[in-house]
Amino acid sequence: MTEYFLRLLFLVPLVGGLAFGALWLWRKAQPGMAGGASRERLVKVVDAVPLGASGRLAVVEFEGKRLLLAVSRNGVTRVDESPTNLSMIDG
């Protein structure tokens, strides 16, 4: 019985450490994940506003344009488009 507990005290932390190490390596190997190699993004989410339980209205910058997108369970729809270099309107 003592041998069983000694094996248990050795193997449980070993298996836990192996699982933790495998998950850590998997996260590091995923491209685009946080903590990975940083790169310049082509698409930038400027703002997003929830609309109800399953919808969202998002402003996205892409290739010098700002796109207003409606995102829902059914898909993504472009609502409007404007250039990014618009100056703020006073008043």
Protein backbone atom coordinates (compact mmCIF):
# COMPACT_ATOMS: atom_id res chain seq x y z
CA MET A 1 0.00 0.00 0.00
CA THR A 2 2.89 2.37 0.74
CA GLU A 3 4.34 1.74 -2.69
CA TYR A 4 1.01 2.76 -4.28
CA PHE A 5 0.99 6.12 -2.47
CA LEU A 6 4.62 6.79 -3.37
CA ARG A 7 3.84 6.18 -7.04
CA LEU A 8 0.75 8.37 -6.76
CA LEU A 9 2.72 11.23 -5.17
CA PHE A 10 5.24 11.03 -8.01
CA LEU A 11 2.97 10.43 -11.02
CA VAL A 12 0.16 12.95 -10.35
CA PRO A 13 2.47 16.01 -10.42
CA LEU A 14 4.34 14.51 -13.37
CA VAL A 15 1.15 14.09 -15.43
CA GLY A 16 -0.04 17.57 -14.41
CA GLY A 17 3.29 19.09 -15.42
CA LEU A 18 3.24 17.31 -18.76
CA ALA A 19 -0.31 18.56 -19.44
CA PHE A 20 0.64 22.12 -18.49
CA GLY A 21 3.77 21.98 -20.66
CA ALA A 22 1.86 20.62 -23.65
CA LEU A 23 -0.76 23.38 -23.39
CA TRP A 24 1.93 26.04 -23.02
CA LEU A 25 3.78 24.78 -26.11
CA TRP A 26 0.52 24.55 -28.08
CA ARG A 27 -0.32 28.18 -27.24
CA LYS A 28 3.17 29.37 -28.26
CA ALA A 29 2.98 27.51 -31.57
CA GLN A 30 -0.38 29.03 -32.60
CA PRO A 31 0.03 31.91 -35.07
CA GLY A 32 -1.76 35.11 -34.14
CA MET A 33 -2.23 34.20 -30.48
CA ALA A 34 -1.31 36.60 -27.69
CA GLY A 35 2.28 36.22 -26.62
CA GLY A 36 3.40 34.97 -30.02
CA ALA A 37 5.48 36.83 -32.56
CA SER A 38 4.07 40.33 -32.95
CA ARG A 39 3.26 41.52 -36.45
CA GLU A 40 1.46 44.45 -37.98
CA ARG A 41 -2.26 43.79 -38.43
CA LEU A 42 -3.98 44.55 -41.72
CA VAL A 43 -7.38 44.81 -40.04
CA LYS A 44 -8.01 46.88 -36.91
CA VAL A 45 -11.26 46.87 -34.92
CA VAL A 46 -11.81 50.49 -33.91
CA ASP A 47 -15.03 50.05 -31.92
CA ALA A 48 -17.81 47.53 -31.41
CA VAL A 49 -21.25 48.01 -29.90
CA PRO A 50 -23.54 45.14 -28.90
CA LEU A 51 -26.98 45.11 -30.48
CA GLY A 52 -29.28 42.80 -28.58
CA ALA A 53 -28.40 39.27 -27.55
CA SER A 54 -26.66 38.07 -30.71
CA GLY A 55 -25.79 41.12 -32.80
CA ARG A 56 -22.97 43.63 -32.88
CA LEU A 57 -22.16 46.80 -34.79
CA ALA A 58 -18.43 47.16 -35.47
CA VAL A 59 -16.17 49.81 -37.02
CA VAL A 60 -13.16 48.22 -38.75
CA GLU A 61 -10.17 49.89 -40.45
CA PHE A 62 -8.86 48.17 -43.57
CA GLU A 63 -6.68 49.54 -46.43
CA GLY A 64 -7.29 53.21 -45.58
CA LYS A 65 -11.03 52.79 -45.17
CA ARG A 66 -13.36 52.52 -42.20
CA LEU A 67 -16.08 49.95 -42.59
CA LEU A 68 -19.25 49.85 -40.51
CA LEU A 69 -20.20 46.18 -40.18
CA ALA A 70 -23.29 44.50 -38.76
CA VAL A 71 -22.29 41.17 -37.23
CA SER A 72 -24.90 38.57 -36.30
CA ARG A 73 -25.33 34.81 -36.14
CA ASN A 74 -26.39 34.85 -39.78
CA GLY A 75 -23.22 36.55 -41.00
CA VAL A 76 -21.47 39.89 -41.53
CA THR A 77 -23.01 42.73 -43.56
CA ARG A 78 -21.29 45.95 -44.63
CA VAL A 79 -23.50 48.87 -43.63
CA ASP A 80 -21.34 51.84 -44.66
CA GLU A 81 -17.80 52.79 -45.75
CA SER A 82 -15.69 55.95 -45.38
CA PRO A 83 -12.01 56.95 -45.68
CA THR A 84 -9.99 56.92 -42.43
CA ASN A 85 -8.52 60.41 -42.86
CA LEU A 86 -11.76 62.26 -42.10
CA SER A 87 -11.29 65.17 -39.72
CA MET A 88 -13.61 65.51 -36.75
CA ILE A 89 -16.54 67.85 -37.37
CA ASP A 90 -16.75 70.65 -34.77
CA GLY A 91 -20.09 71.59 -33.29
